[in-house]
Protein backbone atom coordinates (compact mmCIF):
# COMPACT_ATOMS: atom_id res chain seq x y z
CA MET A 1 51.02 -143.12 -37.02
CA SER A 2 52.37 -143.95 -33.51
CA GLY A 3 55.23 -146.06 -32.26
CA LYS A 4 56.47 -147.47 -29.05
CA LEU A 5 59.20 -145.88 -26.98
CA THR A 6 60.90 -147.06 -23.76
CA LEU A 7 62.01 -144.22 -21.40
CA TYR A 8 64.05 -144.40 -18.21
CA ILE A 9 62.81 -141.47 -15.97
CA GLU A 10 63.40 -140.72 -12.35
CA GLU A 11 60.65 -142.12 -10.18
CA ASP A 12 59.61 -138.80 -8.70
CA VAL A 13 59.13 -137.53 -12.21
CA ILE A 14 57.08 -140.60 -13.16
CA ASN A 15 54.94 -140.03 -10.01
CA TYR A 16 54.33 -136.35 -10.85
CA VAL A 17 53.50 -137.09 -14.53
CA LYS A 18 50.99 -139.78 -13.39
CA SER A 19 49.28 -137.45 -10.97
CA TYR A 20 49.29 -134.60 -13.51
CA ALA A 21 47.77 -136.86 -16.20
CA LYS A 22 45.08 -138.16 -13.83
CA ALA A 23 44.10 -134.53 -12.73
CA HIS A 24 43.85 -133.41 -16.33
CA LYS A 25 42.14 -136.70 -17.54
CA LEU A 26 44.92 -137.57 -19.92
CA SER A 27 47.03 -140.67 -20.29
CA VAL A 28 50.91 -140.44 -19.47
CA SER A 29 51.48 -141.21 -23.09
CA LYS A 30 49.54 -138.22 -24.20
CA VAL A 31 51.19 -135.84 -21.62
CA VAL A 32 54.67 -137.06 -22.94
CA ASN A 33 53.50 -136.76 -26.60
CA ASN A 34 52.18 -133.24 -25.97
CA PHE A 35 55.57 -132.25 -24.33
CA LEU A 36 57.65 -133.77 -27.07
CA THR A 37 55.46 -132.02 -29.59
CA LEU A 38 56.05 -128.71 -28.00
CA LEU A 39 59.67 -129.38 -27.91
CA LYS A 40 59.77 -130.23 -31.59
CA ASN A 41 57.94 -126.98 -32.51
CA HIS A 42 60.12 -124.85 -30.36
CA LYS A 43 62.40 -122.39 -32.22
CA PRO A 44 66.12 -122.99 -31.92
CA GLU A 45 67.89 -120.98 -29.25
CA ASP A 46 69.59 -118.82 -31.93
CA GLU A 47 66.19 -117.36 -33.08
CA THR A 48 65.43 -114.91 -30.18
CA GLU A 49 61.87 -114.94 -28.79
CA ASN A 50 60.54 -111.42 -27.91
CA ALA A 51 58.30 -110.64 -25.12
CA PRO A 52 54.68 -109.64 -26.07
CA LEU A 53 55.50 -105.87 -25.26
CA THR A 54 58.46 -106.09 -27.56
CA ASN A 55 56.43 -107.69 -30.37
CA SER A 56 53.87 -104.86 -29.98
CA LEU A 57 56.42 -102.22 -30.36
CA GLN A 58 58.02 -103.57 -33.60
CA GLY A 59 57.64 -101.37 -36.56
CA VAL A 60 56.06 -98.57 -34.52
CA LEU A 61 58.58 -95.98 -35.87
CA LYS A 62 58.51 -96.97 -39.57
CA LYS A 63 56.30 -93.97 -40.36
CA SER A 64 58.34 -91.72 -38.19
CA ASP A 65 60.21 -88.62 -39.40
CA LEU A 66 63.29 -89.47 -37.18
CA SER A 67 66.53 -90.51 -38.93
CA GLU A 68 69.46 -92.39 -37.55
CA GLU A 69 71.37 -88.94 -37.45
CA ASP A 70 68.60 -87.68 -35.04
CA TYR A 71 69.30 -90.54 -32.76
CA HIS A 72 72.95 -90.02 -32.80
CA ARG A 73 72.47 -86.39 -32.05
CA TYR A 74 70.22 -87.32 -29.25
CA LEU A 75 72.82 -89.64 -27.73
CA GLU A 76 75.76 -87.09 -28.07
CA GLU A 77 73.58 -84.49 -26.18
CA LYS A 78 72.58 -86.93 -23.50
CA TYR A 79 75.99 -88.50 -22.84
CA LEU A 80 78.65 -85.78 -23.86
């Protein structure tokens, strides 16, 4: 289901969106709809988004023999 929405947008932005839409063979409505859909599906700022490298490292130490005490000992040796 779709509806009508009136927007007031700066002229330079309108011109950019029109040329973008034409270059990608889309309507301006479709470009705006796609953007608003992305905005709707975006996680709130309090949920941090990790970089792909960080995501690939998550859980890598689950099967490790290292304990939290080992880490504390390492930090003490390094900084004290």
